Amino acid sequence: MAEQDYQLDCRYVKYDDAVWETVEETTLVDVVDGGPVQDATGFKACWDDEYLYVRFDCQDDYMVANYTKRDDPLYDEDVVELFIDEDGNGTRYMEFEFSPRNVIFDAMIDNRGGQYTVDTAWDAEGLETEVRMNEHSWTFLMKLPLSHFRRKPENGTAWRVNFYRIDEKRDGTREFQAWSPTGAINYHIPSRFGTMRFVR
């Protein structure tokens, strides 16, 4: 697939729940070829001096979410995911996964040329999450303390990131979605991450 330049502006806000009505939504596409997906997923992101806020809105009339413990293999079921590479060099980044049952998987990834290790002993202390269920959809909200990063973002700061979703269908097939397609059913291709820029 052709190389594309995926850019996302993450706007500075005074946060309350109503702020989501003012933040532009971005949609996920097929992780391999960037084509359309069956069950739409939109996400939004914003920030203030202390937190990064992320929201996923997932169309879904069939949910598979049986895990109950932190760092269970949520990627085997329905999940939304966020990868954050603060330095942008693709060798060390945070991986977050969240299920419709509001179970968290958080890990630090060391990736050396596609060979990666997953450190689930690392936890994002202070991370707050919420899931809101509807008849044919679910919404996920995340509040991540910026203290987990070496440098707090300011106007113009840029991180390499990607947003993902895995959605199991009634027939057992799985749909893999991404903001910035990786060209393969593989989320650990940091060279294909997009850029999230912080703006005031």
Protein backbone atom coordinates (compact mmCIF):
# COMPACT_ATOMS: atom_id res chain seq x y z
CA MET A 1 0.00 0.00 0.00
CA ALA A 2 1.11 3.56 -0.63
CA GLU A 3 2.77 5.44 2.20
CA GLN A 4 0.40 8.00 3.72
CA ASP A 5 0.99 10.81 6.17
CA TYR A 6 -1.46 10.36 9.05
CA GLN A 7 -1.68 13.43 11.24
CA LEU A 8 -3.88 14.05 14.26
CA ASP A 9 -4.20 17.29 16.19
CA CYS A 10 -4.76 16.72 19.91
CA ARG A 11 -6.41 19.90 21.19
CA TYR A 12 -5.85 21.46 24.61
CA VAL A 13 -9.11 21.69 26.56
CA LYS A 14 -10.63 22.44 29.90
CA TYR A 15 -12.02 18.96 30.33
CA ASP A 16 -15.55 17.95 31.19
CA ASP A 17 -17.76 15.34 29.58
CA ALA A 18 -19.36 17.86 27.21
CA VAL A 19 -15.99 18.65 25.61
CA TRP A 20 -16.34 15.60 23.36
CA GLU A 21 -19.00 17.44 21.39
CA THR A 22 -16.36 19.99 20.34
CA VAL A 23 -13.53 17.54 19.47
CA GLU A 24 -13.36 16.27 15.90
CA GLU A 25 -13.84 12.53 15.43
CA THR A 26 -11.41 10.41 13.42
CA THR A 27 -12.34 6.96 12.09
CA LEU A 28 -10.51 3.66 11.91
CA VAL A 29 -10.03 1.71 8.66
CA ASP A 30 -8.87 -1.76 7.67
CA VAL A 31 -5.42 -2.34 9.16
CA VAL A 32 -3.99 -3.90 5.99
CA ASP A 33 -5.23 -1.80 3.08
CA GLY A 34 -6.94 1.22 4.62
CA GLY A 35 -10.32 0.22 3.21
CA PRO A 36 -13.74 0.44 4.88
CA VAL A 37 -14.71 -1.71 7.86
CA GLN A 38 -17.97 -3.43 8.79
CA ASP A 39 -18.48 -2.00 12.29
CA ALA A 40 -17.43 1.64 12.42
CA THR A 41 -15.05 2.92 15.08
CA GLY A 42 -14.50 6.60 15.80
CA PHE A 43 -12.03 8.07 18.25
CA LYS A 44 -11.24 11.47 19.72
CA ALA A 45 -8.29 12.77 21.73
CA CYS A 46 -7.58 15.91 23.77
CA TRP A 47 -5.38 17.00 26.67
CA ASP A 48 -4.79 19.44 29.50
CA ASP A 49 -1.83 20.11 31.80
CA GLU A 50 -2.18 16.80 33.64
CA TYR A 51 -3.92 14.23 31.43
CA LEU A 52 -4.37 12.79 27.96
CA TYR A 53 -8.02 11.95 27.25
CA VAL A 54 -9.09 9.44 24.61
CA ARG A 55 -12.54 8.28 23.56
CA PHE A 56 -13.50 5.36 21.29
CA ASP A 57 -17.05 4.94 19.93
CA CYS A 58 -17.59 1.41 18.60
CA GLN A 59 -20.53 0.10 16.61
CA ASP A 60 -21.01 -3.48 17.75
CA ASP A 61 -24.00 -5.84 17.86
CA TYR A 62 -21.95 -8.86 18.94
CA MET A 63 -19.39 -8.54 21.72
CA VAL A 64 -16.84 -11.07 22.91
CA ALA A 65 -15.32 -10.01 26.25
CA ASN A 66 -14.77 -12.73 28.83
CA TYR A 67 -11.50 -11.73 30.48
CA THR A 68 -11.70 -10.08 33.89
CA LYS A 69 -8.11 -9.50 35.10
CA ARG A 70 -5.62 -6.78 34.28
CA ASP A 71 -3.14 -7.84 31.58
CA ASP A 72 -5.21 -10.83 30.50
CA PRO A 73 -4.75 -11.45 26.72
CA LEU A 74 -7.50 -9.04 25.72
CA TYR A 75 -6.22 -9.08 22.12
CA ASP A 76 -7.83 -12.52 21.75
CA GLU A 77 -11.29 -10.93 22.04
CA ASP A 78 -12.99 -7.59 21.31
CA VAL A 79 -10.71 -4.71 22.23
CA VAL A 80 -9.66 -1.16 21.44
CA GLU A 81 -5.98 -0.29 21.60
CA LEU A 82 -3.64 2.69 21.76
CA PHE A 83 0.13 2.58 21.18
CA ILE A 84 2.24 5.62 22.19
CA ASP A 85 5.86 6.14 21.13
CA GLU A 86 6.94 9.32 22.89
CA ASP A 87 10.44 9.40 21.37
CA GLY A 88 9.28 8.36 17.91
CA ASN A 89 12.14 5.97 17.20
CA GLY A 90 10.05 2.77 17.22
CA THR A 91 12.13 0.91 19.80
CA ARG A 92 10.18 1.52 23.02
CA TYR A 93 6.51 2.38 23.34
CA MET A 94 3.45 1.97 25.53
CA GLU A 95 0.67 -0.43 24.61
CA PHE A 96 -2.82 -0.01 26.03
CA GLU A 97 -5.76 -2.33 25.40
CA PHE A 98 -9.29 -2.02 26.78
CA SER A 99 -12.20 -4.44 26.58
CA PRO A 100 -15.95 -3.75 26.55
CA ARG A 101 -15.92 -5.01 30.15
CA ASN A 102 -13.51 -2.19 31.07
CA VAL A 103 -10.59 -4.56 31.64
CA ILE A 104 -7.14 -3.04 31.08
CA PHE A 105 -4.02 -4.43 29.45
CA ASP A 106 -1.04 -2.06 29.74
CA ALA A 107 2.54 -2.89 28.89
CA MET A 108 5.87 -1.40 27.87
CA ILE A 109 7.14 -2.72 24.55
CA ASP A 110 10.76 -3.04 23.46
CA ASN A 111 10.86 -3.55 19.69
CA ARG A 112 14.15 -4.31 17.96
CA GLY A 113 13.64 -4.70 14.25
CA GLY A 114 10.29 -6.44 14.63
CA GLN A 115 11.40 -8.70 17.48
CA TYR A 116 9.61 -7.35 20.50
CA THR A 117 9.22 -8.09 24.18
CA VAL A 118 6.17 -7.20 26.25
CA ASP A 119 6.64 -6.02 29.84
CA THR A 120 3.26 -6.40 31.54
CA ALA A 121 4.84 -5.74 34.95
CA TRP A 122 4.66 -2.07 34.01
CA ASP A 123 1.35 -0.46 35.00
CA ALA A 124 0.13 3.02 34.17
CA GLU A 125 -0.62 4.11 37.72
CA GLY A 126 -3.48 6.59 37.97
CA LEU A 127 -5.02 5.51 34.66
CA GLU A 128 -8.80 5.99 34.79
CA THR A 129 -11.20 4.27 32.38
CA GLU A 130 -14.93 3.95 31.80
CA VAL A 131 -17.15 1.97 29.44
CA ARG A 132 -20.66 3.02 28.45
CA MET A 133 -22.80 0.31 26.86
CA ASN A 134 -25.61 0.83 24.38
CA GLU A 135 -27.80 -1.63 22.47
CA HIS A 136 -25.60 -1.75 19.36
CA SER A 137 -22.47 0.10 20.45
CA TRP A 138 -20.06 0.81 23.26
CA THR A 139 -18.04 3.85 24.20
CA PHE A 140 -14.70 3.74 25.94
CA LEU A 141 -13.17 6.71 27.83
CA MET A 142 -9.57 6.96 29.06
CA LYS A 143 -7.80 9.48 31.28
CA LEU A 144 -4.02 8.91 31.30
CA PRO A 145 -1.72 10.92 33.59
CA LEU A 146 0.97 12.77 31.64
CA SER A 147 3.36 12.03 34.49
CA HIS A 148 4.10 8.72 32.72
CA PHE A 149 6.06 10.56 30.05
CA ARG A 150 9.55 11.99 30.28
CA ARG A 151 8.35 15.36 29.04
CA LYS A 152 4.87 16.79 29.41
CA PRO A 153 3.53 17.87 26.01
CA GLU A 154 3.28 21.52 25.09
CA ASN A 155 2.11 23.31 21.98
CA GLY A 156 3.80 21.63 19.01
CA THR A 157 4.89 18.42 20.79
CA ALA A 158 4.53 15.39 18.51
CA TRP A 159 4.26 11.71 19.45
CA ARG A 160 4.15 8.70 17.14
CA VAL A 161 0.94 6.81 17.92
CA ASN A 162 -1.59 4.40 16.53
CA PHE A 163 -5.18 3.60 17.43
CA TYR A 164 -6.58 0.12 16.82
CA ARG A 165 -9.58 -2.14 17.29
CA ILE A 166 -10.14 -5.90 17.06
CA ASP A 167 -13.77 -6.93 16.55
CA GLU A 168 -14.97 -10.54 16.47
CA LYS A 169 -18.00 -11.37 14.31
CA ARG A 170 -20.76 -13.89 14.92
CA ASP A 171 -19.20 -16.30 12.42
CA GLY A 172 -15.89 -16.30 14.33
CA THR A 173 -14.00 -14.10 11.87
CA ARG A 174 -12.13 -11.10 13.25
CA GLU A 175 -11.89 -7.57 11.86
CA PHE A 176 -8.65 -5.66 12.46
CA GLN A 177 -8.86 -1.88 12.34
CA ALA A 178 -6.32 0.94 12.59
CA TRP A 179 -6.03 4.70 12.32
CA SER A 180 -2.76 4.42 10.38
CA PRO A 181 -2.79 1.12 8.43
CA THR A 182 0.25 -1.06 8.96
CA GLY A 183 -0.05 -3.08 5.74
CA ALA A 184 -0.36 -6.34 7.68
CA ILE A 185 -2.40 -7.91 10.48
CA ASN A 186 0.30 -6.77 12.86
CA TYR A 187 -0.02 -3.80 15.19
CA HIS A 188 3.66 -3.81 16.16
CA ILE A 189 4.98 -1.99 13.09
CA PRO A 190 5.98 1.37 14.60
CA SER A 191 7.28 2.70 11.29
CA ARG A 192 3.62 2.83 10.24
CA PHE A 193 2.41 4.78 13.27
CA GLY A 194 0.93 8.21 12.59
CA THR A 195 1.80 11.49 14.29
CA MET A 196 -0.29 13.06 17.04
CA ARG A 197 0.54 16.73 17.51
CA PHE A 198 -0.46 18.68 20.62
CA VAL A 199 -1.96 22.11 19.92
CA ARG A 200 -3.30 24.94 22.02
